[in-house]
Amino acid sequence: MNKLFEESFGMSQHIWYKGLNLYKEGKDAKELVLFENIECLLSLIKNDLQEKNSAEYFWYIYGEQHTQDALSEKVRPNLMIRFKIRNFS
């Protein structure tokens, strides 16, 4: 995965990554494959938490592939992870 950029807003860090396969073709629809990529995600998060000392973190993970939404527009699936007060959401 490639870090796209990182920004600080007050006491929060916002970090964008690209290059994770988030979905695969399923029988009836696309299926989330987050569990298959969990080690990679945990490694990125752990490294970012060790590098900075912020009160709050946001990770934005963009998938590699494109899909179509309900309006038939191409979109890139993404995942957001938040860490605040020693809790993830």
C-alpha atoms as a PDB file:
ATOM      1  CA  MET A   1       0.000   0.000   0.000  1.00  0.00           C
ATOM      2  CA  ASN A   2       1.131   3.516  -0.745  1.00  0.00           C
ATOM      3  CA  LYS A   3       0.720   6.485   1.561  1.00  0.00           C
ATOM      4  CA  LEU A   4      -0.884   9.237  -0.519  1.00  0.00           C
ATOM      5  CA  PHE A   5      -0.595  12.044   1.999  1.00  0.00           C
ATOM      6  CA  GLU A   6      -0.906  13.003   5.624  1.00  0.00           C
ATOM      7  CA  GLU A   7      -2.294  16.143   7.243  1.00  0.00           C
ATOM      8  CA  SER A   8      -2.659  17.485  10.768  1.00  0.00           C
ATOM      9  CA  PHE A   9      -5.705  19.418  11.890  1.00  0.00           C
ATOM     10  CA  GLY A  10      -5.261  20.612  15.457  1.00  0.00           C
ATOM     11  CA  MET A  11      -4.559  17.486  17.512  1.00  0.00           C
ATOM     12  CA  SER A  12      -5.754  15.034  14.850  1.00  0.00           C
ATOM     13  CA  GLN A  13      -3.821  13.210  12.141  1.00  0.00           C
ATOM     14  CA  HIS A  14      -5.460  12.318   8.833  1.00  0.00           C
ATOM     15  CA  ILE A  15      -3.640   9.722   6.747  1.00  0.00           C
ATOM     16  CA  TRP A  16      -4.635   8.529   3.260  1.00  0.00           C
ATOM     17  CA  TYR A  17      -3.503   5.236   1.736  1.00  0.00           C
ATOM     18  CA  LYS A  18      -4.166   3.607  -1.624  1.00  0.00           C
ATOM     19  CA  GLY A  19      -3.662   0.095  -2.872  1.00  0.00           C
ATOM     20  CA  LEU A  20      -5.670  -2.332  -0.789  1.00  0.00           C
ATOM     21  CA  ASN A  21      -8.052  -4.804  -2.385  1.00  0.00           C
ATOM     22  CA  LEU A  22     -11.227  -4.309  -0.374  1.00  0.00           C
ATOM     23  CA  TYR A  23     -13.680  -6.366  -2.454  1.00  0.00           C
ATOM     24  CA  LYS A  24     -13.855  -9.483  -4.588  1.00  0.00           C
ATOM     25  CA  GLU A  25     -16.543 -10.791  -6.898  1.00  0.00           C
ATOM     26  CA  GLY A  26     -19.033 -12.917  -4.997  1.00  0.00           C
ATOM     27  CA  LYS A  27     -21.843 -15.160  -6.158  1.00  0.00           C
ATOM     28  CA  ASP A  28     -24.478 -12.405  -6.205  1.00  0.00           C
ATOM     29  CA  ALA A  29     -22.521  -9.227  -5.449  1.00  0.00           C
ATOM     30  CA  LYS A  30     -19.120  -7.925  -4.432  1.00  0.00           C
ATOM     31  CA  GLU A  31     -17.882  -9.197  -1.075  1.00  0.00           C
ATOM     32  CA  LEU A  32     -15.735  -7.382   1.474  1.00  0.00           C
ATOM     33  CA  VAL A  33     -12.334  -9.041   1.933  1.00  0.00           C
ATOM     34  CA  LEU A  34     -11.125  -7.024   4.887  1.00  0.00           C
ATOM     35  CA  PHE A  35     -10.163 -10.090   6.925  1.00  0.00           C
ATOM     36  CA  GLU A  36      -7.695 -11.168   4.224  1.00  0.00           C
ATOM     37  CA  ASN A  37      -5.930  -7.786   4.515  1.00  0.00           C
ATOM     38  CA  ILE A  38      -6.090  -7.299   8.280  1.00  0.00           C
ATOM     39  CA  GLU A  39      -2.366  -7.916   8.912  1.00  0.00           C
ATOM     40  CA  CYS A  40      -1.410  -5.200   6.432  1.00  0.00           C
ATOM     41  CA  LEU A  41      -3.889  -2.745   7.951  1.00  0.00           C
ATOM     42  CA  LEU A  42      -2.781  -3.466  11.511  1.00  0.00           C
ATOM     43  CA  SER A  43       0.853  -2.956  10.552  1.00  0.00           C
ATOM     44  CA  LEU A  44       0.130   0.435   8.970  1.00  0.00           C
ATOM     45  CA  ILE A  45      -1.923   1.597  11.939  1.00  0.00           C
ATOM     46  CA  LYS A  46       0.663   0.421  14.460  1.00  0.00           C
ATOM     47  CA  ASN A  47       3.467   2.236  12.618  1.00  0.00           C
ATOM     48  CA  ASP A  48       1.459   5.453  12.331  1.00  0.00           C
ATOM     49  CA  LEU A  49       0.536   5.376  16.028  1.00  0.00           C
ATOM     50  CA  GLN A  50       4.210   4.995  16.972  1.00  0.00           C
ATOM     51  CA  GLU A  51       5.396   7.817  14.694  1.00  0.00           C
ATOM     52  CA  LYS A  52       3.035  10.538  15.905  1.00  0.00           C
ATOM     53  CA  ASN A  53       1.616  11.638  19.227  1.00  0.00           C
ATOM     54  CA  SER A  54      -1.864  12.869  18.383  1.00  0.00           C
ATOM     55  CA  ALA A  55      -5.120  12.777  20.329  1.00  0.00           C
ATOM     56  CA  GLU A  56      -7.080  11.486  17.347  1.00  0.00           C
ATOM     57  CA  TYR A  57      -6.283   9.639  14.119  1.00  0.00           C
ATOM     58  CA  PHE A  58      -8.211   9.057  10.910  1.00  0.00           C
ATOM     59  CA  TRP A  59      -7.101   6.569   8.263  1.00  0.00           C
ATOM     60  CA  TYR A  60      -8.649   6.659   4.804  1.00  0.00           C
ATOM     61  CA  ILE A  61      -7.925   3.494   2.833  1.00  0.00           C
ATOM     62  CA  TYR A  62      -8.776   3.528  -0.882  1.00  0.00           C
ATOM     63  CA  GLY A  63      -9.229   0.272  -2.750  1.00  0.00           C
ATOM     64  CA  GLU A  64      -7.502  -0.577  -6.010  1.00  0.00           C
ATOM     65  CA  GLN A  65     -10.548  -1.434  -8.069  1.00  0.00           C
ATOM     66  CA  HIS A  66     -13.511   0.659  -9.193  1.00  0.00           C
ATOM     67  CA  THR A  67     -17.158  -0.314  -8.960  1.00  0.00           C
ATOM     68  CA  GLN A  68     -20.466   1.243  -9.973  1.00  0.00           C
ATOM     69  CA  ASP A  69     -22.867   2.856  -7.559  1.00  0.00           C
ATOM     70  CA  ALA A  70     -26.671   2.997  -7.819  1.00  0.00           C
ATOM     71  CA  LEU A  71     -26.404   5.889 -10.308  1.00  0.00           C
ATOM     72  CA  SER A  72     -24.076   3.830 -12.555  1.00  0.00           C
ATOM     73  CA  GLU A  73     -21.154   6.115 -11.719  1.00  0.00           C
ATOM     74  CA  LYS A  74     -17.679   4.703 -11.164  1.00  0.00           C
ATOM     75  CA  VAL A  75     -16.549   4.915  -7.554  1.00  0.00           C
ATOM     76  CA  ARG A  76     -13.498   3.673  -5.683  1.00  0.00           C
ATOM     77  CA  PRO A  77     -14.415   1.703  -2.547  1.00  0.00           C
ATOM     78  CA  ASN A  78     -12.816   3.033   0.612  1.00  0.00           C
ATOM     79  CA  LEU A  79     -12.600   2.393   4.304  1.00  0.00           C
ATOM     80  CA  MET A  80     -12.243   4.919   7.137  1.00  0.00           C
ATOM     81  CA  ILE A  81     -10.840   4.006  10.544  1.00  0.00           C
ATOM     82  CA  ARG A  82     -10.911   6.393  13.506  1.00  0.00           C
ATOM     83  CA  PHE A  83      -8.890   6.206  16.715  1.00  0.00           C
ATOM     84  CA  LYS A  84      -9.751   8.479  19.645  1.00  0.00           C
ATOM     85  CA  ILE A  85      -9.327   8.063  23.395  1.00  0.00           C
ATOM     86  CA  ARG A  86      -7.777   4.605  22.900  1.00  0.00           C
ATOM     87  CA  ASN A  87     -10.816   3.355  20.975  1.00  0.00           C
ATOM     88  CA  PHE A  88     -11.267   2.473  17.322  1.00  0.00           C
ATOM     89  CA  SER A  89     -14.448   3.214  15.401  1.00  0.00           C
END
